Amino acid sequence: MIIRRFEKNTRFSNLLDTMLISSPHMIRTVVGQDSVRLDPDNYPVFMGDFQSYDWQVYFPENKRLFPIEQIVPQFVKENEASAHCQSFVSSLLFDNQRYNFYTWTGNSYRVYAVNDNSNQ
């Protein structure tokens, strides 16, 4: 997998960084019964400052490119009330589809995304 980081709101014209994430650097976390989360362990900017950039994720094996843009943060700054325990993203455009993120608390914390372009 290749992750490309772009200056935000430049229509992917200003490339800032490119990182190859190979299988040994991929952390696979099972989320529920039907989902898997993949996180690179050698590219901390991807998670730590995700909303500050536009991204492309490229899978060379099947030649699929997924743009991630129009990322709207949940909080203006991390130290706002409850910011540390909630998703830092409220919505984004992934592969030209809008997703909104919602949170709730319970015994274990969960974040879920809803594709607002679907009828579900």
PDB file of N, CA and C in Angstrom:
ATOM      1  N   MET A   1       0.843  -1.161   0.000  1.00  0.00           N
ATOM      2  CA  MET A   1       0.000   0.000   0.000  1.00  0.00           C
ATOM      3  C   MET A   1       0.897   1.236   0.000  1.00  0.00           C
ATOM      4  N   ILE A   2       0.498   2.234  -0.759  1.00  0.00           N
ATOM      5  CA  ILE A   2       1.242   3.491  -0.806  1.00  0.00           C
ATOM      6  C   ILE A   2       0.333   4.603  -0.324  1.00  0.00           C
ATOM      7  N   ILE A   3       0.823   5.381   0.609  1.00  0.00           N
ATOM      8  CA  ILE A   3       0.078   6.527   1.128  1.00  0.00           C
ATOM      9  C   ILE A   3       0.761   7.792   0.641  1.00  0.00           C
ATOM     10  N   ARG A   4      -0.024   8.668   0.055  1.00  0.00           N
ATOM     11  CA  ARG A   4       0.489   9.954  -0.404  1.00  0.00           C
ATOM     12  C   ARG A   4      -0.200  11.064   0.376  1.00  0.00           C
ATOM     13  N   ARG A   5       0.590  11.995   0.879  1.00  0.00           N
ATOM     14  CA  ARG A   5       0.065  13.120   1.652  1.00  0.00           C
ATOM     15  C   ARG A   5       0.185  14.384   0.810  1.00  0.00           C
ATOM     16  N   PHE A   6      -0.915  15.131   0.699  1.00  0.00           N
ATOM     17  CA  PHE A   6      -0.969  16.334  -0.117  1.00  0.00           C
ATOM     18  C   PHE A   6      -1.348  17.544   0.735  1.00  0.00           C
ATOM     19  N   GLU A   7      -0.933  18.701   0.287  1.00  0.00           N
ATOM     20  CA  GLU A   7      -1.412  19.924   0.908  1.00  0.00           C
ATOM     21  C   GLU A   7      -2.931  19.959   0.748  1.00  0.00           C
ATOM     22  N   LYS A   8      -3.599  20.323   1.817  1.00  0.00           N
ATOM     23  CA  LYS A   8      -5.060  20.319   1.839  1.00  0.00           C
ATOM     24  C   LYS A   8      -5.628  21.331   0.842  1.00  0.00           C
ATOM     25  N   ASN A   9      -6.712  20.951   0.216  1.00  0.00           N
ATOM     26  CA  ASN A   9      -7.470  21.809  -0.704  1.00  0.00           C
ATOM     27  C   ASN A   9      -6.679  22.256  -1.930  1.00  0.00           C
ATOM     28  N   THR A  10      -5.796  21.397  -2.431  1.00  0.00           N
ATOM     29  CA  THR A  10      -5.036  21.734  -3.640  1.00  0.00           C
ATOM     30  C   THR A  10      -5.401  20.810  -4.796  1.00  0.00           C
ATOM     31  N   ARG A  11      -6.501  20.047  -4.653  1.00  0.00           N
ATOM     32  CA  ARG A  11      -6.933  19.120  -5.702  1.00  0.00           C
ATOM     33  C   ARG A  11      -5.816  18.129  -6.052  1.00  0.00           C
ATOM     34  N   PHE A  12      -5.052  17.714  -5.036  1.00  0.00           N
ATOM     35  CA  PHE A  12      -3.977  16.724  -5.169  1.00  0.00           C
ATOM     36  C   PHE A  12      -2.864  17.206  -6.097  1.00  0.00           C
ATOM     37  N   SER A  13      -2.596  18.496  -6.095  1.00  0.00           N
ATOM     38  CA  SER A  13      -1.540  19.030  -6.960  1.00  0.00           C
ATOM     39  C   SER A  13      -0.228  19.270  -6.219  1.00  0.00           C
ATOM     40  N   ASN A  14      -0.260  19.381  -4.897  1.00  0.00           N
ATOM     41  CA  ASN A  14       0.955  19.658  -4.143  1.00  0.00           C
ATOM     42  C   ASN A  14       1.294  18.478  -3.238  1.00  0.00           C
ATOM     43  N   LEU A  15       2.046  17.516  -3.775  1.00  0.00           N
ATOM     44  CA  LEU A  15       2.450  16.319  -3.046  1.00  0.00           C
ATOM     45  C   LEU A  15       3.502  16.680  -2.003  1.00  0.00           C
ATOM     46  N   LEU A  16       3.270  16.269  -0.749  1.00  0.00           N
ATOM     47  CA  LEU A  16       4.200  16.568   0.340  1.00  0.00           C
ATOM     48  C   LEU A  16       5.034  15.366   0.752  1.00  0.00           C
ATOM     49  N   ASP A  17       4.462  14.165   0.627  1.00  0.00           N
ATOM     50  CA  ASP A  17       5.134  12.984   1.163  1.00  0.00           C
ATOM     51  C   ASP A  17       4.536  11.738   0.524  1.00  0.00           C
ATOM     52  N   THR A  18       5.357  10.708   0.389  1.00  0.00           N
ATOM     53  CA  THR A  18       4.908   9.403  -0.088  1.00  0.00           C
ATOM     54  C   THR A  18       5.538   8.339   0.795  1.00  0.00           C
ATOM     55  N   MET A  19       4.732   7.345   1.174  1.00  0.00           N
ATOM     56  CA  MET A  19       5.231   6.309   2.060  1.00  0.00           C
ATOM     57  C   MET A  19       4.716   4.952   1.610  1.00  0.00           C
ATOM     58  N   LEU A  20       5.619   3.993   1.432  1.00  0.00           N
ATOM     59  CA  LEU A  20       5.256   2.618   1.130  1.00  0.00           C
ATOM     60  C   LEU A  20       5.017   1.894   2.448  1.00  0.00           C
ATOM     61  N   ILE A  21       3.861   1.293   2.573  1.00  0.00           N
ATOM     62  CA  ILE A  21       3.529   0.517   3.765  1.00  0.00           C
ATOM     63  C   ILE A  21       3.445  -0.943   3.344  1.00  0.00           C
ATOM     64  N   SER A  22       4.425  -1.720   3.727  1.00  0.00           N
ATOM     65  CA  SER A  22       4.440  -3.138   3.376  1.00  0.00           C
ATOM     66  C   SER A  22       3.752  -3.952   4.479  1.00  0.00           C
ATOM     67  N   SER A  23       3.465  -5.191   4.177  1.00  0.00           N
ATOM     68  CA  SER A  23       2.750  -6.057   5.122  1.00  0.00           C
ATOM     69  C   SER A  23       3.348  -6.096   6.525  1.00  0.00           C
ATOM     70  N   PRO A  24       4.685  -6.174   6.678  1.00  0.00           N
ATOM     71  CA  PRO A  24       5.230  -6.219   8.035  1.00  0.00           C
ATOM     72  C   PRO A  24       4.937  -4.955   8.859  1.00  0.00           C
ATOM     73  N   HIS A  25       4.604  -3.851   8.193  1.00  0.00           N
ATOM     74  CA  HIS A  25       4.327  -2.599   8.904  1.00  0.00           C
ATOM     75  C   HIS A  25       2.837  -2.310   9.037  1.00  0.00           C
ATOM     76  N   MET A  26       2.005  -3.281   8.726  1.00  0.00           N
ATOM     77  CA  MET A  26       0.571  -3.078   8.774  1.00  0.00           C
ATOM     78  C   MET A  26       0.013  -3.727  10.032  1.00  0.00           C
ATOM     79  N   ILE A  27      -0.609  -2.922  10.867  1.00  0.00           N
ATOM     80  CA  ILE A  27      -1.260  -3.437  12.067  1.00  0.00           C
ATOM     81  C   ILE A  27      -2.715  -3.718  11.716  1.00  0.00           C
ATOM     82  N   ARG A  28      -3.124  -4.942  11.894  1.00  0.00           N
ATOM     83  CA  ARG A  28      -4.484  -5.372  11.565  1.00  0.00           C
ATOM     84  C   ARG A  28      -5.272  -5.547  12.852  1.00  0.00           C
ATOM     85  N   THR A  29      -6.362  -4.776  12.996  1.00  0.00           N
ATOM     86  CA  THR A  29      -7.192  -4.836  14.186  1.00  0.00           C
ATOM     87  C   THR A  29      -8.612  -5.212  13.775  1.00  0.00           C
ATOM     88  N   VAL A  30      -9.138  -6.296  14.339  1.00  0.00           N
ATOM     89  CA  VAL A  30     -10.507  -6.705  14.064  1.00  0.00           C
ATOM     90  C   VAL A  30     -11.437  -5.781  14.839  1.00  0.00           C
ATOM     91  N   VAL A  31     -12.405  -5.207  14.133  1.00  0.00           N
ATOM     92  CA  VAL A  31     -13.371  -4.293  14.739  1.00  0.00           C
ATOM     93  C   VAL A  31     -14.753  -4.889  14.536  1.00  0.00           C
ATOM     94  N   GLY A  32     -15.309  -5.447  15.575  1.00  0.00           N
ATOM     95  CA  GLY A  32     -16.614  -6.082  15.457  1.00  0.00           C
ATOM     96  C   GLY A  32     -16.530  -7.393  14.691  1.00  0.00           C
ATOM     97  N   GLN A  33     -17.660  -7.843  14.175  1.00  0.00           N
ATOM     98  CA  GLN A  33     -17.717  -9.126  13.485  1.00  0.00           C
ATOM     99  C   GLN A  33     -17.484  -9.013  11.989  1.00  0.00           C
ATOM    100  N   ASP A  34     -17.556  -7.794  11.438  1.00  0.00           N
ATOM    101  CA  ASP A  34     -17.499  -7.688   9.989  1.00  0.00           C
ATOM    102  C   ASP A  34     -16.511  -6.653   9.464  1.00  0.00           C
ATOM    103  N   SER A  35     -15.627  -6.145  10.321  1.00  0.00           N
ATOM    104  CA  SER A  35     -14.726  -5.081   9.892  1.00  0.00           C
ATOM    105  C   SER A  35     -13.316  -5.297  10.395  1.00  0.00           C
ATOM    106  N   VAL A  36     -12.362  -4.803   9.601  1.00  0.00           N
ATOM    107  CA  VAL A  36     -10.951  -4.848   9.974  1.00  0.00           C
ATOM    108  C   VAL A  36     -10.385  -3.454   9.772  1.00  0.00           C
ATOM    109  N   ARG A  37      -9.603  -2.999  10.714  1.00  0.00           N
ATOM    110  CA  ARG A  37      -8.945  -1.702  10.613  1.00  0.00           C
ATOM    111  C   ARG A  37      -7.472  -1.946  10.338  1.00  0.00           C
ATOM    112  N   LEU A  38      -6.914  -1.252   9.349  1.00  0.00           N
ATOM    113  CA  LEU A  38      -5.505  -1.364   9.014  1.00  0.00           C
ATOM    114  C   LEU A  38      -4.812  -0.049   9.346  1.00  0.00           C
ATOM    115  N   ASP A  39      -3.741  -0.122  10.119  1.00  0.00           N
ATOM    116  CA  ASP A  39      -2.971   1.060  10.500  1.00  0.00           C
ATOM    117  C   ASP A  39      -1.497   0.824  10.220  1.00  0.00           C
ATOM    118  N   PRO A  40      -0.837   1.773   9.568  1.00  0.00           N
ATOM    119  CA  PRO A  40       0.612   1.652   9.377  1.00  0.00           C
ATOM    120  C   PRO A  40       1.331   1.988  10.677  1.00  0.00           C
ATOM    121  N   ASP A  41       2.290   1.150  11.069  1.00  0.00           N
ATOM    122  CA  ASP A  41       3.027   1.426  12.304  1.00  0.00           C
ATOM    123  C   ASP A  41       4.244   2.311  12.057  1.00  0.00           C
ATOM    124  N   ASN A  42       4.552   2.610  10.803  1.00  0.00           N
ATOM    125  CA  ASN A  42       5.743   3.403  10.503  1.00  0.00           C
ATOM    126  C   ASN A  42       5.412   4.741   9.832  1.00  0.00           C
ATOM    127  N   TYR A  43       4.169   5.199   9.989  1.00  0.00           N
ATOM    128  CA  TYR A  43       3.783   6.468   9.394  1.00  0.00           C
ATOM    129  C   TYR A  43       2.829   7.192  10.341  1.00  0.00           C
ATOM    130  N   PRO A  44       3.343   7.724  11.459  1.00  0.00           N
ATOM    131  CA  PRO A  44       2.472   8.290  12.502  1.00  0.00           C
ATOM    132  C   PRO A  44       1.679   9.520  12.064  1.00  0.00           C
ATOM    133  N   VAL A  45       2.121  10.237  11.039  1.00  0.00           N
ATOM    134  CA  VAL A  45       1.401  11.432  10.588  1.00  0.00           C
ATOM    135  C   VAL A  45       0.008  11.066  10.082  1.00  0.00           C
ATOM    136  N   PHE A  46      -0.138   9.869   9.548  1.00  0.00           N
ATOM    137  CA  PHE A  46      -1.419   9.447   8.995  1.00  0.00           C
ATOM    138  C   PHE A  46      -2.516   9.527  10.044  1.00  0.00           C
ATOM    139  N   MET A  47      -2.242   9.105  11.245  1.00  0.00           N
ATOM    140  CA  MET A  47      -3.256   9.142  12.295  1.00  0.00           C
ATOM    141  C   MET A  47      -3.195  10.439  13.097  1.00  0.00           C
ATOM    142  N   GLY A  48      -2.009  10.912  13.406  1.00  0.00           N
ATOM    143  CA  GLY A  48      -1.854  12.040  14.303  1.00  0.00           C
ATOM    144  C   GLY A  48      -2.317  13.379  13.774  1.00  0.00           C
ATOM    145  N   ASP A  49      -2.238  13.599  12.482  1.00  0.00           N
ATOM    146  CA  ASP A  49      -2.622  14.882  11.907  1.00  0.00           C
ATOM    147  C   ASP A  49      -3.435  14.664  10.638  1.00  0.00           C
ATOM    148  N   PHE A  50      -4.275  13.665  10.661  1.00  0.00           N
ATOM    149  CA  PHE A  50      -5.019  13.213   9.493  1.00  0.00           C
ATOM    150  C   PHE A  50      -5.845  14.322   8.847  1.00  0.00           C
ATOM    151  N   GLN A  51      -6.546  15.110   9.661  1.00  0.00           N
ATOM    152  CA  GLN A  51      -7.467  16.108   9.127  1.00  0.00           C
ATOM    153  C   GLN A  51      -6.781  17.327   8.527  1.00  0.00           C
ATOM    154  N   SER A  52      -5.480  17.454   8.661  1.00  0.00           N
ATOM    155  CA  SER A  52      -4.763  18.633   8.167  1.00  0.00           C
ATOM    156  C   SER A  52      -4.299  18.514   6.719  1.00  0.00           C
ATOM    157  N   TYR A  53      -4.533  17.365   6.094  1.00  0.00           N
ATOM    158  CA  TYR A  53      -4.036  17.129   4.742  1.00  0.00           C
ATOM    159  C   TYR A  53      -5.100  16.431   3.899  1.00  0.00           C
ATOM    160  N   ASP A  54      -4.853  16.344   2.609  1.00  0.00           N
ATOM    161  CA  ASP A  54      -5.595  15.453   1.715  1.00  0.00           C
ATOM    162  C   ASP A  54      -4.696  14.248   1.474  1.00  0.00           C
ATOM    163  N   TRP A  55      -5.300  13.109   1.187  1.00  0.00           N
ATOM    164  CA  TRP A  55      -4.556  11.862   1.100  1.00  0.00           C
ATOM    165  C   TRP A  55      -4.957  11.072  -0.136  1.00  0.00           C
ATOM    166  N   GLN A  56      -4.068  10.223  -0.571  1.00  0.00           N
ATOM    167  CA  GLN A  56      -4.378   9.184  -1.543  1.00  0.00           C
ATOM    168  C   GLN A  56      -3.804   7.885  -0.999  1.00  0.00           C
ATOM    169  N   VAL A  57      -4.608   6.837  -1.080  1.00  0.00           N
ATOM    170  CA  VAL A  57      -4.156   5.501  -0.706  1.00  0.00           C
ATOM    171  C   VAL A  57      -4.195   4.674  -1.979  1.00  0.00           C
ATOM    172  N   TYR A  58      -3.042   4.093  -2.320  1.00  0.00           N
ATOM    173  CA  TYR A  58      -2.911   3.346  -3.566  1.00  0.00           C
ATOM    174  C   TYR A  58      -2.520   1.906  -3.269  1.00  0.00           C
ATOM    175  N   PHE A  59      -3.249   0.981  -3.890  1.00  0.00           N
ATOM    176  CA  PHE A  59      -2.956  -0.438  -3.766  1.00  0.00           C
ATOM    177  C   PHE A  59      -2.400  -0.920  -5.103  1.00  0.00           C
ATOM    178  N   PRO A  60      -1.074  -1.086  -5.210  1.00  0.00           N
ATOM    179  CA  PRO A  60      -0.446  -1.449  -6.493  1.00  0.00           C
ATOM    180  C   PRO A  60      -0.920  -2.771  -7.076  1.00  0.00           C
ATOM    181  N   GLU A  61      -1.228  -3.736  -6.222  1.00  0.00           N
ATOM    182  CA  GLU A  61      -1.590  -5.059  -6.723  1.00  0.00           C
ATOM    183  C   GLU A  61      -2.819  -5.007  -7.634  1.00  0.00           C
ATOM    184  N   ASN A  62      -3.824  -4.229  -7.249  1.00  0.00           N
ATOM    185  CA  ASN A  62      -5.015  -4.143  -8.097  1.00  0.00           C
ATOM    186  C   ASN A  62      -5.177  -2.762  -8.742  1.00  0.00           C
ATOM    187  N   LYS A  63      -4.129  -1.929  -8.613  1.00  0.00           N
ATOM    188  CA  LYS A  63      -4.087  -0.608  -9.252  1.00  0.00           C
ATOM    189  C   LYS A  63      -5.278   0.260  -8.861  1.00  0.00           C
ATOM    190  N   ARG A  64      -5.662   0.216  -7.577  1.00  0.00           N
ATOM    191  CA  ARG A  64      -6.780   1.020  -7.070  1.00  0.00           C
ATOM    192  C   ARG A  64      -6.245   2.219  -6.296  1.00  0.00           C
ATOM    193  N   LEU A  65      -6.760   3.379  -6.605  1.00  0.00           N
ATOM    194  CA  LEU A  65      -6.383   4.621  -5.953  1.00  0.00           C
ATOM    195  C   LEU A  65      -7.622   5.191  -5.264  1.00  0.00           C
ATOM    196  N   PHE A  66      -7.493   5.476  -3.979  1.00  0.00           N
ATOM    197  CA  PHE A  66      -8.596   6.024  -3.200  1.00  0.00           C
ATOM    198  C   PHE A  66      -8.217   7.409  -2.680  1.00  0.00           C
ATOM    199  N   PRO A  67      -8.844   8.460  -3.205  1.00  0.00           N
ATOM    200  CA  PRO A  67      -8.595   9.789  -2.664  1.00  0.00           C
ATOM    201  C   PRO A  67      -9.390  10.010  -1.375  1.00  0.00           C
ATOM    202  N   ILE A  68      -8.772  10.715  -0.444  1.00  0.00           N
ATOM    203  CA  ILE A  68      -9.428  11.097   0.810  1.00  0.00           C
ATOM    204  C   ILE A  68      -9.236  12.600   0.937  1.00  0.00           C
ATOM    205  N   GLU A  69     -10.335  13.344   0.948  1.00  0.00           N
ATOM    206  CA  GLU A  69     -10.235  14.799   0.967  1.00  0.00           C
ATOM    207  C   GLU A  69     -11.437  15.400   1.687  1.00  0.00           C
ATOM    208  N   GLN A  70     -11.456  16.731   1.757  1.00  0.00           N
ATOM    209  CA  GLN A  70     -12.520  17.466   2.431  1.00  0.00           C
ATOM    210  C   GLN A  70     -12.753  16.923   3.839  1.00  0.00           C
ATOM    211  N   ILE A  71     -11.660  16.694   4.543  1.00  0.00           N
ATOM    212  CA  ILE A  71     -11.728  16.150   5.900  1.00  0.00           C
ATOM    213  C   ILE A  71     -12.075  17.282   6.859  1.00  0.00           C
ATOM    214  N   VAL A  72     -13.172  17.099   7.575  1.00  0.00           N
ATOM    215  CA  VAL A  72     -13.640  18.103   8.523  1.00  0.00           C
ATOM    216  C   VAL A  72     -13.371  17.583   9.933  1.00  0.00           C
ATOM    217  N   PRO A  73     -12.581  18.306  10.731  1.00  0.00           N
ATOM    218  CA  PRO A  73     -12.299  17.831  12.087  1.00  0.00           C
ATOM    219  C   PRO A  73     -13.509  17.975  13.003  1.00  0.00           C
ATOM    220  N   GLN A  74     -13.592  17.108  13.975  1.00  0.00           N
ATOM    221  CA  GLN A  74     -14.655  17.165  14.982  1.00  0.00           C
ATOM    222  C   GLN A  74     -14.423  18.338  15.927  1.00  0.00           C
ATOM    223  N   PHE A  75     -13.167  18.612  16.228  1.00  0.00           N
ATOM    224  CA  PHE A  75     -12.805  19.667  17.171  1.00  0.00           C
ATOM    225  C   PHE A  75     -11.763  20.564  16.531  1.00  0.00           C
ATOM    226  N   VAL A  76     -11.805  21.843  16.870  1.00  0.00           N
ATOM    227  CA  VAL A  76     -10.822  22.790  16.343  1.00  0.00           C
ATOM    228  C   VAL A  76      -9.449  22.503  16.916  1.00  0.00           C
ATOM    229  N   LYS A  77      -9.383  22.133  18.187  1.00  0.00           N
ATOM    230  CA  LYS A  77      -8.116  21.779  18.819  1.00  0.00           C
ATOM    231  C   LYS A  77      -8.318  20.586  19.732  1.00  0.00           C
ATOM    232  N   GLU A  78      -7.276  19.821  19.907  1.00  0.00           N
ATOM    233  CA  GLU A  78      -7.368  18.557  20.627  1.00  0.00           C
ATOM    234  C   GLU A  78      -7.734  18.734  22.091  1.00  0.00           C
ATOM    235  N   ASN A  79      -7.432  19.867  22.695  1.00  0.00           N
ATOM    236  CA  ASN A  79      -7.675  20.014  24.127  1.00  0.00           C
ATOM    237  C   ASN A  79      -9.066  20.547  24.458  1.00  0.00           C
ATOM    238  N   GLU A  80      -9.993  20.588  23.488  1.00  0.00           N
ATOM    239  CA  GLU A  80     -11.373  20.946  23.798  1.00  0.00           C
ATOM    240  C   GLU A  80     -11.990  19.835  24.642  1.00  0.00           C
ATOM    241  N   ALA A  81     -13.039  20.188  25.360  1.00  0.00           N
ATOM    242  CA  ALA A  81     -13.689  19.223  26.254  1.00  0.00           C
ATOM    243  C   ALA A  81     -14.060  17.943  25.512  1.00  0.00           C
ATOM    244  N   SER A  82     -13.670  16.827  26.053  1.00  0.00           N
ATOM    245  CA  SER A  82     -13.956  15.483  25.519  1.00  0.00           C
ATOM    246  C   SER A  82     -13.275  15.171  24.193  1.00  0.00           C
ATOM    247  N   ALA A  83     -12.434  16.043  23.683  1.00  0.00           N
ATOM    248  CA  ALA A  83     -11.800  15.791  22.383  1.00  0.00           C
ATOM    249  C   ALA A  83     -10.925  14.549  22.417  1.00  0.00           C
ATOM    250  N   HIS A  84     -10.301  14.266  23.550  1.00  0.00           N
ATOM    251  CA  HIS A  84      -9.395  13.125  23.630  1.00  0.00           C
ATOM    252  C   HIS A  84     -10.110  11.788  23.516  1.00  0.00           C
ATOM    253  N   CYS A  85     -11.408  11.750  23.726  1.00  0.00           N
ATOM    254  CA  CYS A  85     -12.092  10.461  23.693  1.00  0.00           C
ATOM    255  C   CYS A  85     -13.128  10.389  22.578  1.00  0.00           C
ATOM    256  N   GLN A  86     -13.009  11.247  21.585  1.00  0.00           N
ATOM    257  CA  GLN A  86     -13.932  11.200  20.464  1.00  0.00           C
ATOM    258  C   GLN A  86     -13.162  11.252  19.160  1.00  0.00           C
ATOM    259  N   SER A  87     -13.808  10.885  18.092  1.00  0.00           N
ATOM    260  CA  SER A  87     -13.189  10.925  16.783  1.00  0.00           C
ATOM    261  C   SER A  87     -12.797  12.349  16.430  1.00  0.00           C
ATOM    262  N   PHE A  88     -11.623  12.531  15.858  1.00  0.00           N
ATOM    263  CA  PHE A  88     -11.194  13.860  15.447  1.00  0.00           C
ATOM    264  C   PHE A  88     -11.717  14.216  14.064  1.00  0.00           C
ATOM    265  N   VAL A  89     -12.449  13.319  13.427  1.00  0.00           N
ATOM    266  CA  VAL A  89     -13.009  13.585  12.105  1.00  0.00           C
ATOM    267  C   VAL A  89     -14.531  13.507  12.195  1.00  0.00           C
ATOM    268  N   SER A  90     -15.212  14.534  11.676  1.00  0.00           N
ATOM    269  CA  SER A  90     -16.677  14.479  11.660  1.00  0.00           C
ATOM    270  C   SER A  90     -17.196  14.075  10.291  1.00  0.00           C
ATOM    271  N   SER A  91     -16.443  14.398   9.212  1.00  0.00           N
ATOM    272  CA  SER A  91     -16.842  13.955   7.878  1.00  0.00           C
ATOM    273  C   SER A  91     -15.650  14.015   6.938  1.00  0.00           C
ATOM    274  N   LEU A  92     -15.760  13.290   5.841  1.00  0.00           N
ATOM    275  CA  LEU A  92     -14.726  13.311   4.807  1.00  0.00           C
ATOM    276  C   LEU A  92     -15.304  12.780   3.509  1.00  0.00           C
ATOM    277  N   LEU A  93     -14.576  13.046   2.437  1.00  0.00           N
ATOM    278  CA  LEU A  93     -14.910  12.510   1.122  1.00  0.00           C
ATOM    279  C   LEU A  93     -13.897  11.404   0.832  1.00  0.00           C
ATOM    280  N   PHE A  94     -14.378  10.157   0.730  1.00  0.00           N
ATOM    281  CA  PHE A  94     -13.525   9.000   0.472  1.00  0.00           C
ATOM    282  C   PHE A  94     -13.956   8.395  -0.850  1.00  0.00           C
ATOM    283  N   ASP A  95     -13.039   8.386  -1.808  1.00  0.00           N
ATOM    284  CA  ASP A  95     -13.330   7.831  -3.126  1.00  0.00           C
ATOM    285  C   ASP A  95     -14.594   8.476  -3.705  1.00  0.00           C
ATOM    286  N   ASN A  96     -14.677   9.799  -3.553  1.00  0.00           N
ATOM    287  CA  ASN A  96     -15.779  10.623  -4.060  1.00  0.00           C
ATOM    288  C   ASN A  96     -17.125  10.320  -3.414  1.00  0.00           C
ATOM    289  N   GLN A  97     -17.112   9.710  -2.242  1.00  0.00           N
ATOM    290  CA  GLN A  97     -18.326   9.442  -1.475  1.00  0.00           C
ATOM    291  C   GLN A  97     -18.205  10.145  -0.127  1.00  0.00           C
ATOM    292  N   ARG A  98     -19.241  10.863   0.292  1.00  0.00           N
ATOM    293  CA  ARG A  98     -19.238  11.567   1.578  1.00  0.00           C
ATOM    294  C   ARG A  98     -19.561  10.600   2.708  1.00  0.00           C
ATOM    295  N   TYR A  99     -18.744  10.631   3.764  1.00  0.00           N
ATOM    296  CA  TYR A  99     -18.974   9.843   4.974  1.00  0.00           C
ATOM    297  C   TYR A  99     -19.014  10.785   6.163  1.00  0.00           C
ATOM    298  N   ASN A 100     -20.012  10.603   7.022  1.00  0.00           N
ATOM    299  CA  ASN A 100     -20.087  11.322   8.285  1.00  0.00           C
ATOM    300  C   ASN A 100     -19.810  10.333   9.406  1.00  0.00           C
ATOM    301  N   PHE A 101     -19.081  10.779  10.409  1.00  0.00           N
ATOM    302  CA  PHE A 101     -18.693   9.917  11.518  1.00  0.00           C
ATOM    303  C   PHE A 101     -19.485  10.287  12.756  1.00  0.00           C
ATOM    304  N   TYR A 102     -19.978   9.278  13.437  1.00  0.00           N
ATOM    305  CA  TYR A 102     -20.774   9.474  14.643  1.00  0.00           C
ATOM    306  C   TYR A 102     -20.147   8.673  15.771  1.00  0.00           C
ATOM    307  N   THR A 103     -20.344   9.112  16.995  1.00  0.00           N
ATOM    308  CA  THR A 103     -19.747   8.445  18.146  1.00  0.00           C
ATOM    309  C   THR A 103     -20.798   8.200  19.217  1.00  0.00           C
ATOM    310  N   TRP A 104     -20.523   7.245  20.045  1.00  0.00           N
ATOM    311  CA  TRP A 104     -21.306   7.014  21.235  1.00  0.00           C
ATOM    312  C   TRP A 104     -20.431   6.290  22.237  1.00  0.00           C
ATOM    313  N   THR A 105     -20.810   6.314  23.482  1.00  0.00           N
ATOM    314  CA  THR A 105     -20.014   5.640  24.499  1.00  0.00           C
ATOM    315  C   THR A 105     -20.847   4.528  25.123  1.00  0.00           C
ATOM    316  N   GLY A 106     -20.167   3.605  25.710  1.00  0.00           N
ATOM    317  CA  GLY A 106     -20.777   2.461  26.364  1.00  0.00           C
ATOM    318  C   GLY A 106     -19.661   1.733  27.080  1.00  0.00           C
ATOM    319  N   ASN A 107     -19.748   0.415  27.167  1.00  0.00           N
ATOM    320  CA  ASN A 107     -18.682  -0.351  27.789  1.00  0.00           C
ATOM    321  C   ASN A 107     -17.376  -0.209  27.018  1.00  0.00           C
ATOM    322  N   SER A 108     -17.469  -0.123  25.714  1.00  0.00           N
ATOM    323  CA  SER A 108     -16.284   0.113  24.896  1.00  0.00           C
ATOM    324  C   SER A 108     -16.623   1.198  23.884  1.00  0.00           C
ATOM    325  N   TYR A 109     -15.667   2.024  23.579  1.00  0.00           N
ATOM    326  CA  TYR A 109     -15.880   3.165  22.701  1.00  0.00           C
ATOM    327  C   TYR A 109     -15.962   2.732  21.243  1.00  0.00           C
ATOM    328  N   ARG A 110     -16.880   3.320  20.488  1.00  0.00           N
ATOM    329  CA  ARG A 110     -17.051   2.976  19.082  1.00  0.00           C
ATOM    330  C   ARG A 110     -17.210   4.237  18.242  1.00  0.00           C
ATOM    331  N   VAL A 111     -16.697   4.189  17.038  1.00  0.00           N
ATOM    332  CA  VAL A 111     -16.910   5.228  16.030  1.00  0.00           C
ATOM    333  C   VAL A 111     -17.422   4.522  14.796  1.00  0.00           C
ATOM    334  N   TYR A 112     -18.425   5.082  14.152  1.00  0.00           N
ATOM    335  CA  TYR A 112     -18.893   4.461  12.926  1.00  0.00           C
ATOM    336  C   TYR A 112     -19.120   5.527  11.865  1.00  0.00           C
ATOM    337  N   ALA A 113     -19.021   5.107  10.620  1.00  0.00           N
ATOM    338  CA  ALA A 113     -19.181   6.019   9.487  1.00  0.00           C
ATOM    339  C   ALA A 113     -20.435   5.651   8.725  1.00  0.00           C
ATOM    340  N   VAL A 114     -21.109   6.669   8.215  1.00  0.00           N
ATOM    341  CA  VAL A 114     -22.299   6.480   7.404  1.00  0.00           C
ATOM    342  C   VAL A 114     -22.061   7.141   6.066  1.00  0.00           C
ATOM    343  N   ASN A 115     -22.248   6.381   4.998  1.00  0.00           N
ATOM    344  CA  ASN A 115     -22.117   6.917   3.651  1.00  0.00           C
ATOM    345  C   ASN A 115     -23.425   7.643   3.325  1.00  0.00           C
ATOM    346  N   ASP A 116     -23.388   8.952   3.280  1.00  0.00           N
ATOM    347  CA  ASP A 116     -24.583   9.732   3.045  1.00  0.00           C
ATOM    348  C   ASP A 116     -25.045   9.694   1.593  1.00  0.00           C
ATOM    349  N   ASN A 117     -24.274   9.072   0.712  1.00  0.00           N
ATOM    350  CA  ASN A 117     -24.656   8.952  -0.683  1.00  0.00           C
ATOM    351  C   ASN A 117     -25.449   7.676  -0.958  1.00  0.00           C
ATOM    352  N   SER A 118     -25.567   6.845   0.057  1.00  0.00           N
ATOM    353  CA  SER A 118     -26.299   5.595  -0.142  1.00  0.00           C
ATOM    354  C   SER A 118     -27.707   5.731   0.419  1.00  0.00           C
ATOM    355  N   ASN A 119     -28.523   4.771   0.167  1.00  0.00           N
ATOM    356  CA  ASN A 119     -29.899   4.771   0.683  1.00  0.00           C
ATOM    357  C   ASN A 119     -30.019   3.983   1.970  1.00  0.00           C
ATOM    358  N   GLN A 120     -28.896   3.639   2.574  1.00  0.00           N
ATOM    359  CA  GLN A 120     -28.922   2.820   3.794  1.00  0.00           C
ATOM    360  C   GLN A 120     -28.919   3.697   5.023  1.00  0.00           C
TER     361      GLN A 120
END
